[in-house]
Amino acid sequence: MSRQSNEPQYVLCVSNRGYPASLMVRRLYRRLADADAHERGLVRVVDESGDDYLYPEKLFVAVDLPRQVGRAFRAAR
């Protein structure tokens, strides 16, 4: 998940071990760029609370979405 960009990126939660109240398996989450977190094996995502937090990268898989889908997600906020 080392890709850094100005475009919002999304990750798919593949495990919520240790974070069952904050993350839902098989749900897409918006990933926010955070180079310091990445160096520590973490990823910053906007979780179920609506706020961004750091989680272990191993809980997610990066997902490339078509631009149209990303725009639709941003518009649905």
C-alpha atoms as a PDB file:
ATOM      1  CA  MET A   1       0.000   0.000   0.000  1.00  0.00           C
ATOM      2  CA  SER A   2       2.851   2.348  -0.700  1.00  0.00           C
ATOM      3  CA  ARG A   3       1.037   4.342  -3.401  1.00  0.00           C
ATOM      4  CA  GLN A   4       0.809   8.018  -2.463  1.00  0.00           C
ATOM      5  CA  SER A   5      -1.496  10.347  -4.370  1.00  0.00           C
ATOM      6  CA  ASN A   6      -3.671  13.417  -4.034  1.00  0.00           C
ATOM      7  CA  GLU A   7      -6.641  11.308  -5.133  1.00  0.00           C
ATOM      8  CA  PRO A   8      -8.587   9.613  -2.350  1.00  0.00           C
ATOM      9  CA  GLN A   9      -7.718   5.959  -2.171  1.00  0.00           C
ATOM     10  CA  TYR A  10      -9.724   3.104  -0.824  1.00  0.00           C
ATOM     11  CA  VAL A  11      -8.866  -0.070   1.022  1.00  0.00           C
ATOM     12  CA  LEU A  12     -10.900  -3.199   1.620  1.00  0.00           C
ATOM     13  CA  CYS A  13     -10.988  -4.481   5.189  1.00  0.00           C
ATOM     14  CA  VAL A  14     -10.081  -8.186   5.185  1.00  0.00           C
ATOM     15  CA  SER A  15      -9.842  -8.567   8.975  1.00  0.00           C
ATOM     16  CA  ASN A  16     -11.083  -6.553  11.942  1.00  0.00           C
ATOM     17  CA  ARG A  17      -9.175  -8.549  14.550  1.00  0.00           C
ATOM     18  CA  GLY A  18      -8.724  -6.310  17.551  1.00  0.00           C
ATOM     19  CA  TYR A  19     -11.060  -3.626  16.160  1.00  0.00           C
ATOM     20  CA  PRO A  20     -14.548  -5.190  15.825  1.00  0.00           C
ATOM     21  CA  ALA A  21     -16.380  -1.994  16.826  1.00  0.00           C
ATOM     22  CA  SER A  22     -14.390   0.205  14.432  1.00  0.00           C
ATOM     23  CA  LEU A  23     -13.997  -1.902  11.282  1.00  0.00           C
ATOM     24  CA  MET A  24     -16.291  -4.148   9.280  1.00  0.00           C
ATOM     25  CA  VAL A  25     -14.829  -6.978   7.202  1.00  0.00           C
ATOM     26  CA  ARG A  26     -15.533  -6.695   3.437  1.00  0.00           C
ATOM     27  CA  ARG A  27     -16.234  -2.956   3.702  1.00  0.00           C
ATOM     28  CA  LEU A  28     -14.408  -0.281   1.701  1.00  0.00           C
ATOM     29  CA  TYR A  29     -12.745   2.489   3.669  1.00  0.00           C
ATOM     30  CA  ARG A  30     -11.249   5.750   2.514  1.00  0.00           C
ATOM     31  CA  ARG A  31      -7.490   5.756   2.976  1.00  0.00           C
ATOM     32  CA  LEU A  32      -5.737   9.026   3.798  1.00  0.00           C
ATOM     33  CA  ALA A  33      -2.114   9.613   2.829  1.00  0.00           C
ATOM     34  CA  ASP A  34       0.239   9.357   5.811  1.00  0.00           C
ATOM     35  CA  ALA A  35       3.872   8.575   4.954  1.00  0.00           C
ATOM     36  CA  ASP A  36       4.925   8.322   8.609  1.00  0.00           C
ATOM     37  CA  ALA A  37       2.216   5.749   9.306  1.00  0.00           C
ATOM     38  CA  HIS A  38       3.184   3.720   6.235  1.00  0.00           C
ATOM     39  CA  GLU A  39       6.803   3.537   7.434  1.00  0.00           C
ATOM     40  CA  ARG A  40       5.491   2.007  10.685  1.00  0.00           C
ATOM     41  CA  GLY A  41       3.290  -0.566   8.907  1.00  0.00           C
ATOM     42  CA  LEU A  42       0.097   1.370   9.571  1.00  0.00           C
ATOM     43  CA  VAL A  43      -2.604   2.863   7.378  1.00  0.00           C
ATOM     44  CA  ARG A  44      -4.815   5.871   8.160  1.00  0.00           C
ATOM     45  CA  VAL A  45      -8.469   5.219   7.318  1.00  0.00           C
ATOM     46  CA  VAL A  46     -11.796   6.887   7.984  1.00  0.00           C
ATOM     47  CA  ASP A  47     -13.514   4.202  10.068  1.00  0.00           C
ATOM     48  CA  GLU A  48     -17.083   3.557  11.235  1.00  0.00           C
ATOM     49  CA  SER A  49     -16.917   6.535  13.611  1.00  0.00           C
ATOM     50  CA  GLY A  50     -16.407   8.889  10.662  1.00  0.00           C
ATOM     51  CA  ASP A  51     -13.011   9.963  11.996  1.00  0.00           C
ATOM     52  CA  ASP A  52      -9.587   8.883  10.742  1.00  0.00           C
ATOM     53  CA  TYR A  53      -7.432   6.524  12.786  1.00  0.00           C
ATOM     54  CA  LEU A  54      -4.348   4.390  12.293  1.00  0.00           C
ATOM     55  CA  TYR A  55      -4.690   0.626  11.853  1.00  0.00           C
ATOM     56  CA  PRO A  56      -2.256  -2.155  10.926  1.00  0.00           C
ATOM     57  CA  GLU A  57      -1.849  -2.373   7.128  1.00  0.00           C
ATOM     58  CA  LYS A  58      -2.285  -6.156   7.291  1.00  0.00           C
ATOM     59  CA  LEU A  59      -6.015  -5.637   7.987  1.00  0.00           C
ATOM     60  CA  PHE A  60      -6.551  -4.119   4.515  1.00  0.00           C
ATOM     61  CA  VAL A  61      -6.002  -4.645   0.818  1.00  0.00           C
ATOM     62  CA  ALA A  62      -5.604  -1.609  -1.465  1.00  0.00           C
ATOM     63  CA  VAL A  63      -8.353  -1.226  -4.068  1.00  0.00           C
ATOM     64  CA  ASP A  64      -8.134   0.781  -7.296  1.00  0.00           C
ATOM     65  CA  LEU A  65     -11.545   2.159  -8.180  1.00  0.00           C
ATOM     66  CA  PRO A  66     -12.588   3.708 -11.485  1.00  0.00           C
ATOM     67  CA  ARG A  67     -12.655   7.529 -11.278  1.00  0.00           C
ATOM     68  CA  GLN A  68     -16.421   7.571 -11.671  1.00  0.00           C
ATOM     69  CA  VAL A  69     -16.856   5.345  -8.595  1.00  0.00           C
ATOM     70  CA  GLY A  70     -14.471   7.492  -6.542  1.00  0.00           C
ATOM     71  CA  ARG A  71     -16.383  10.638  -7.532  1.00  0.00           C
ATOM     72  CA  ALA A  72     -19.689   8.980  -6.590  1.00  0.00           C
ATOM     73  CA  PHE A  73     -18.284   8.000  -3.171  1.00  0.00           C
ATOM     74  CA  ARG A  74     -17.057  11.539  -2.500  1.00  0.00           C
ATOM     75  CA  ALA A  75     -20.386  13.025  -3.571  1.00  0.00           C
ATOM     76  CA  ALA A  76     -22.311  10.698  -1.241  1.00  0.00           C
ATOM     77  CA  ARG A  77     -20.725  12.062   1.949  1.00  0.00           C
END
